[in-house]
Amino acid sequence: MTVPIDWQKSSYSEGGDGNTCVEIAPLATRVAIRDSKDPSQGTVTIPLEAFTALVRSFRTAAP
């Protein structure tokens, strides 16, 4: 049985043309990431800890 994935798009994707964003989906121990413009091109999954560190690095680098 396949469980549907709950994809979430960033609230920032609504600005501008809205086409330059990724979607994420939380999984049990990983986070799935895909291109919101062309989701059929594939998905990357990374460990939850790595995703958390990535988001933290974006927040500390933001002006």
PDB file of N, CA and C in Angstrom:
ATOM      1  N   MET A   1       0.845  -1.180   0.000  1.00  0.00           N
ATOM      2  CA  MET A   1       0.000   0.000   0.000  1.00  0.00           C
ATOM      3  C   MET A   1       0.892   1.246   0.000  1.00  0.00           C
ATOM      4  N   THR A   2       0.596   2.193  -0.844  1.00  0.00           N
ATOM      5  CA  THR A   2       1.340   3.445  -0.923  1.00  0.00           C
ATOM      6  C   THR A   2       0.610   4.526  -0.138  1.00  0.00           C
ATOM      7  N   VAL A   3       1.357   5.204   0.715  1.00  0.00           N
ATOM      8  CA  VAL A   3       0.791   6.295   1.507  1.00  0.00           C
ATOM      9  C   VAL A   3       1.005   7.587   0.740  1.00  0.00           C
ATOM     10  N   PRO A   4      -0.053   8.396   0.550  1.00  0.00           N
ATOM     11  CA  PRO A   4       0.128   9.666  -0.167  1.00  0.00           C
ATOM     12  C   PRO A   4       1.059  10.605   0.602  1.00  0.00           C
ATOM     13  N   ILE A   5       1.838  11.350  -0.143  1.00  0.00           N
ATOM     14  CA  ILE A   5       2.762  12.304   0.456  1.00  0.00           C
ATOM     15  C   ILE A   5       2.097  13.672   0.495  1.00  0.00           C
ATOM     16  N   ASP A   6       2.205  14.336   1.635  1.00  0.00           N
ATOM     17  CA  ASP A   6       1.611  15.660   1.833  1.00  0.00           C
ATOM     18  C   ASP A   6       2.633  16.731   1.477  1.00  0.00           C
ATOM     19  N   TRP A   7       2.646  17.161   0.206  1.00  0.00           N
ATOM     20  CA  TRP A   7       3.599  18.170  -0.257  1.00  0.00           C
ATOM     21  C   TRP A   7       3.179  19.547   0.230  1.00  0.00           C
ATOM     22  N   GLN A   8       4.172  20.352   0.640  1.00  0.00           N
ATOM     23  CA  GLN A   8       3.924  21.706   1.131  1.00  0.00           C
ATOM     24  C   GLN A   8       4.806  22.675   0.365  1.00  0.00           C
ATOM     25  N   LYS A   9       4.195  23.750  -0.097  1.00  0.00           N
ATOM     26  CA  LYS A   9       4.941  24.784  -0.810  1.00  0.00           C
ATOM     27  C   LYS A   9       5.188  25.949   0.141  1.00  0.00           C
ATOM     28  N   SER A  10       6.338  26.552   0.028  1.00  0.00           N
ATOM     29  CA  SER A  10       6.686  27.690   0.875  1.00  0.00           C
ATOM     30  C   SER A  10       5.707  28.837   0.675  1.00  0.00           C
ATOM     31  N   SER A  11       5.431  29.552   1.754  1.00  0.00           N
ATOM     32  CA  SER A  11       4.573  30.742   1.648  1.00  0.00           C
ATOM     33  C   SER A  11       5.249  31.820   0.814  1.00  0.00           C
ATOM     34  N   TYR A  12       6.569  31.759   0.669  1.00  0.00           N
ATOM     35  CA  TYR A  12       7.300  32.726  -0.146  1.00  0.00           C
ATOM     36  C   TYR A  12       7.103  32.496  -1.638  1.00  0.00           C
ATOM     37  N   SER A  13       6.583  31.352  -2.034  1.00  0.00           N
ATOM     38  CA  SER A  13       6.427  31.048  -3.454  1.00  0.00           C
ATOM     39  C   SER A  13       5.314  31.860  -4.102  1.00  0.00           C
ATOM     40  N   GLU A  14       4.474  32.471  -3.322  1.00  0.00           N
ATOM     41  CA  GLU A  14       3.371  33.264  -3.873  1.00  0.00           C
ATOM     42  C   GLU A  14       3.830  34.623  -4.386  1.00  0.00           C
ATOM     43  N   GLY A  15       4.987  35.084  -3.961  1.00  0.00           N
ATOM     44  CA  GLY A  15       5.498  36.367  -4.426  1.00  0.00           C
ATOM     45  C   GLY A  15       6.057  36.260  -5.834  1.00  0.00           C
ATOM     46  N   GLY A  16       6.167  37.350  -6.520  1.00  0.00           N
ATOM     47  CA  GLY A  16       6.712  37.351  -7.883  1.00  0.00           C
ATOM     48  C   GLY A  16       5.847  36.517  -8.814  1.00  0.00           C
ATOM     49  N   ASP A  17       6.494  35.683  -9.616  1.00  0.00           N
ATOM     50  CA  ASP A  17       5.716  34.850 -10.545  1.00  0.00           C
ATOM     51  C   ASP A  17       5.253  33.549  -9.901  1.00  0.00           C
ATOM     52  N   GLY A  18       5.735  33.248  -8.691  1.00  0.00           N
ATOM     53  CA  GLY A  18       5.285  32.057  -7.977  1.00  0.00           C
ATOM     54  C   GLY A  18       5.839  30.762  -8.519  1.00  0.00           C
ATOM     55  N   ASN A  19       6.760  30.837  -9.464  1.00  0.00           N
ATOM     56  CA  ASN A  19       7.261  29.620 -10.099  1.00  0.00           C
ATOM     57  C   ASN A  19       8.681  29.261  -9.699  1.00  0.00           C
ATOM     58  N   THR A  20       9.228  29.902  -8.718  1.00  0.00           N
ATOM     59  CA  THR A  20      10.618  29.633  -8.361  1.00  0.00           C
ATOM     60  C   THR A  20      10.696  29.095  -6.940  1.00  0.00           C
ATOM     61  N   CYS A  21      10.112  27.954  -6.737  1.00  0.00           N
ATOM     62  CA  CYS A  21      10.065  27.416  -5.398  1.00  0.00           C
ATOM     63  C   CYS A  21      10.178  25.899  -5.421  1.00  0.00           C
ATOM     64  N   VAL A  22      10.495  25.373  -4.286  1.00  0.00           N
ATOM     65  CA  VAL A  22      10.494  23.935  -4.103  1.00  0.00           C
ATOM     66  C   VAL A  22       9.348  23.568  -3.179  1.00  0.00           C
ATOM     67  N   GLU A  23       8.986  22.307  -3.218  1.00  0.00           N
ATOM     68  CA  GLU A  23       8.000  21.777  -2.287  1.00  0.00           C
ATOM     69  C   GLU A  23       8.718  20.772  -1.400  1.00  0.00           C
ATOM     70  N   ILE A  24       8.257  20.670  -0.163  1.00  0.00           N
ATOM     71  CA  ILE A  24       8.830  19.688   0.748  1.00  0.00           C
ATOM     72  C   ILE A  24       7.720  18.800   1.293  1.00  0.00           C
ATOM     73  N   ALA A  25       8.108  17.618   1.707  1.00  0.00           N
ATOM     74  CA  ALA A  25       7.172  16.698   2.341  1.00  0.00           C
ATOM     75  C   ALA A  25       7.897  15.990   3.480  1.00  0.00           C
ATOM     76  N   PRO A  26       7.408  16.143   4.699  1.00  0.00           N
ATOM     77  CA  PRO A  26       8.038  15.448   5.816  1.00  0.00           C
ATOM     78  C   PRO A  26       7.711  13.954   5.754  1.00  0.00           C
ATOM     79  N   LEU A  27       8.739  13.142   5.885  1.00  0.00           N
ATOM     80  CA  LEU A  27       8.581  11.690   5.944  1.00  0.00           C
ATOM     81  C   LEU A  27       8.986  11.244   7.343  1.00  0.00           C
ATOM     82  N   ALA A  28       9.025   9.971   7.611  1.00  0.00           N
ATOM     83  CA  ALA A  28       9.319   9.481   8.965  1.00  0.00           C
ATOM     84  C   ALA A  28      10.673   9.975   9.479  1.00  0.00           C
ATOM     85  N   THR A  29      11.738   9.777   8.722  1.00  0.00           N
ATOM     86  CA  THR A  29      13.071  10.169   9.176  1.00  0.00           C
ATOM     87  C   THR A  29      13.805  11.025   8.159  1.00  0.00           C
ATOM     88  N   ARG A  30      13.113  11.419   7.091  1.00  0.00           N
ATOM     89  CA  ARG A  30      13.728  12.181   6.011  1.00  0.00           C
ATOM     90  C   ARG A  30      12.771  13.280   5.568  1.00  0.00           C
ATOM     91  N   VAL A  31      13.255  14.173   4.718  1.00  0.00           N
ATOM     92  CA  VAL A  31      12.416  15.201   4.105  1.00  0.00           C
ATOM     93  C   VAL A  31      12.580  15.052   2.598  1.00  0.00           C
ATOM     94  N   ALA A  32      11.463  14.987   1.897  1.00  0.00           N
ATOM     95  CA  ALA A  32      11.483  14.912   0.441  1.00  0.00           C
ATOM     96  C   ALA A  32      11.398  16.328  -0.122  1.00  0.00           C
ATOM     97  N   ILE A  33      12.140  16.571  -1.198  1.00  0.00           N
ATOM     98  CA  ILE A  33      12.191  17.897  -1.820  1.00  0.00           C
ATOM     99  C   ILE A  33      12.011  17.716  -3.321  1.00  0.00           C
ATOM    100  N   ARG A  34      11.187  18.575  -3.940  1.00  0.00           N
ATOM    101  CA  ARG A  34      11.006  18.520  -5.392  1.00  0.00           C
ATOM    102  C   ARG A  34      10.765  19.913  -5.943  1.00  0.00           C
ATOM    103  N   ASP A  35      10.943  20.067  -7.233  1.00  0.00           N
ATOM    104  CA  ASP A  35      10.719  21.325  -7.946  1.00  0.00           C
ATOM    105  C   ASP A  35       9.215  21.526  -8.105  1.00  0.00           C
ATOM    106  N   SER A  36       8.694  22.641  -7.631  1.00  0.00           N
ATOM    107  CA  SER A  36       7.259  22.879  -7.713  1.00  0.00           C
ATOM    108  C   SER A  36       6.790  23.118  -9.151  1.00  0.00           C
ATOM    109  N   LYS A  37       7.695  23.567 -10.021  1.00  0.00           N
ATOM    110  CA  LYS A  37       7.314  23.810 -11.416  1.00  0.00           C
ATOM    111  C   LYS A  37       7.202  22.520 -12.202  1.00  0.00           C
ATOM    112  N   ASP A  38       7.994  21.513 -11.838  1.00  0.00           N
ATOM    113  CA  ASP A  38       8.018  20.270 -12.603  1.00  0.00           C
ATOM    114  C   ASP A  38       8.249  19.083 -11.676  1.00  0.00           C
ATOM    115  N   PRO A  39       7.258  18.741 -10.868  1.00  0.00           N
ATOM    116  CA  PRO A  39       7.434  17.683  -9.881  1.00  0.00           C
ATOM    117  C   PRO A  39       7.692  16.300 -10.481  1.00  0.00           C
ATOM    118  N   SER A  40       7.381  16.116 -11.737  1.00  0.00           N
ATOM    119  CA  SER A  40       7.596  14.807 -12.357  1.00  0.00           C
ATOM    120  C   SER A  40       9.073  14.525 -12.618  1.00  0.00           C
ATOM    121  N   GLN A  41       9.937  15.523 -12.456  1.00  0.00           N
ATOM    122  CA  GLN A  41      11.364  15.342 -12.721  1.00  0.00           C
ATOM    123  C   GLN A  41      12.110  14.619 -11.606  1.00  0.00           C
ATOM    124  N   GLY A  42      11.446  14.337 -10.528  1.00  0.00           N
ATOM    125  CA  GLY A  42      12.089  13.564  -9.477  1.00  0.00           C
ATOM    126  C   GLY A  42      12.056  14.241  -8.127  1.00  0.00           C
ATOM    127  N   THR A  43      12.482  13.478  -7.149  1.00  0.00           N
ATOM    128  CA  THR A  43      12.463  13.908  -5.757  1.00  0.00           C
ATOM    129  C   THR A  43      13.805  13.586  -5.123  1.00  0.00           C
ATOM    130  N   VAL A  44      14.261  14.462  -4.279  1.00  0.00           N
ATOM    131  CA  VAL A  44      15.465  14.233  -3.486  1.00  0.00           C
ATOM    132  C   VAL A  44      15.006  14.075  -2.047  1.00  0.00           C
ATOM    133  N   THR A  45      15.565  13.112  -1.336  1.00  0.00           N
ATOM    134  CA  THR A  45      15.270  13.004   0.092  1.00  0.00           C
ATOM    135  C   THR A  45      16.577  13.138   0.868  1.00  0.00           C
ATOM    136  N   ILE A  46      16.476  13.826   1.986  1.00  0.00           N
ATOM    137  CA  ILE A  46      17.643  14.002   2.853  1.00  0.00           C
ATOM    138  C   ILE A  46      17.226  13.709   4.288  1.00  0.00           C
ATOM    139  N   PRO A  47      18.183  13.308   5.126  1.00  0.00           N
ATOM    140  CA  PRO A  47      17.853  13.061   6.534  1.00  0.00           C
ATOM    141  C   PRO A  47      17.269  14.314   7.187  1.00  0.00           C
ATOM    142  N   LEU A  48      16.353  14.106   8.101  1.00  0.00           N
ATOM    143  CA  LEU A  48      15.690  15.211   8.792  1.00  0.00           C
ATOM    144  C   LEU A  48      16.697  16.149   9.455  1.00  0.00           C
ATOM    145  N   GLU A  49      17.747  15.595  10.063  1.00  0.00           N
ATOM    146  CA  GLU A  49      18.744  16.425  10.737  1.00  0.00           C
ATOM    147  C   GLU A  49      19.464  17.338   9.744  1.00  0.00           C
ATOM    148  N   ALA A  50      19.757  16.830   8.556  1.00  0.00           N
ATOM    149  CA  ALA A  50      20.431  17.632   7.530  1.00  0.00           C
ATOM    150  C   ALA A  50      19.510  18.744   7.031  1.00  0.00           C
ATOM    151  N   PHE A  51      18.230  18.450   6.871  1.00  0.00           N
ATOM    152  CA  PHE A  51      17.276  19.467   6.428  1.00  0.00           C
ATOM    153  C   PHE A  51      17.152  20.572   7.481  1.00  0.00           C
ATOM    154  N   THR A  52      17.086  20.170   8.741  1.00  0.00           N
ATOM    155  CA  THR A  52      16.994  21.140   9.823  1.00  0.00           C
ATOM    156  C   THR A  52      18.214  22.056   9.825  1.00  0.00           C
ATOM    157  N   ALA A  53      19.397  21.486   9.645  1.00  0.00           N
ATOM    158  CA  ALA A  53      20.618  22.299   9.597  1.00  0.00           C
ATOM    159  C   ALA A  53      20.606  23.232   8.391  1.00  0.00           C
ATOM    160  N   LEU A  54      20.108  22.771   7.260  1.00  0.00           N
ATOM    161  CA  LEU A  54      20.014  23.597   6.060  1.00  0.00           C
ATOM    162  C   LEU A  54      19.109  24.808   6.300  1.00  0.00           C
ATOM    163  N   VAL A  55      17.943  24.574   6.857  1.00  0.00           N
ATOM    164  CA  VAL A  55      17.006  25.669   7.138  1.00  0.00           C
ATOM    165  C   VAL A  55      17.615  26.650   8.135  1.00  0.00           C
ATOM    166  N   ARG A  56      18.273  26.138   9.148  1.00  0.00           N
ATOM    167  CA  ARG A  56      18.930  27.031  10.125  1.00  0.00           C
ATOM    168  C   ARG A  56      19.982  27.898   9.452  1.00  0.00           C
ATOM    169  N   SER A  57      20.731  27.318   8.525  1.00  0.00           N
ATOM    170  CA  SER A  57      21.771  28.094   7.850  1.00  0.00           C
ATOM    171  C   SER A  57      21.163  29.199   7.000  1.00  0.00           C
ATOM    172  N   PHE A  58      19.995  28.938   6.394  1.00  0.00           N
ATOM    173  CA  PHE A  58      19.318  29.982   5.617  1.00  0.00           C
ATOM    174  C   PHE A  58      18.859  31.109   6.534  1.00  0.00           C
ATOM    175  N   ARG A  59      18.332  30.754   7.671  1.00  0.00           N
ATOM    176  CA  ARG A  59      17.820  31.769   8.591  1.00  0.00           C
ATOM    177  C   ARG A  59      18.933  32.644   9.140  1.00  0.00           C
ATOM    178  N   THR A  60      20.099  32.081   9.410  1.00  0.00           N
ATOM    179  CA  THR A  60      21.189  32.879   9.956  1.00  0.00           C
ATOM    180  C   THR A  60      21.868  33.708   8.869  1.00  0.00           C
ATOM    181  N   ALA A  61      21.729  33.306   7.603  1.00  0.00           N
ATOM    182  CA  ALA A  61      22.352  34.049   6.503  1.00  0.00           C
ATOM    183  C   ALA A  61      21.448  35.160   5.987  1.00  0.00           C
ATOM    184  N   ALA A  62      20.166  35.123   6.334  1.00  0.00           N
ATOM    185  CA  ALA A  62      19.209  36.117   5.825  1.00  0.00           C
ATOM    186  C   ALA A  62      19.530  37.485   6.435  1.00  0.00           C
ATOM    187  N   PRO A  63      19.365  38.531   5.622  1.00  0.00           N
ATOM    188  CA  PRO A  63      19.634  39.897   6.127  1.00  0.00           C
ATOM    189  C   PRO A  63      18.617  40.331   7.160  1.00  0.00           C
TER     190      PRO A  63
END
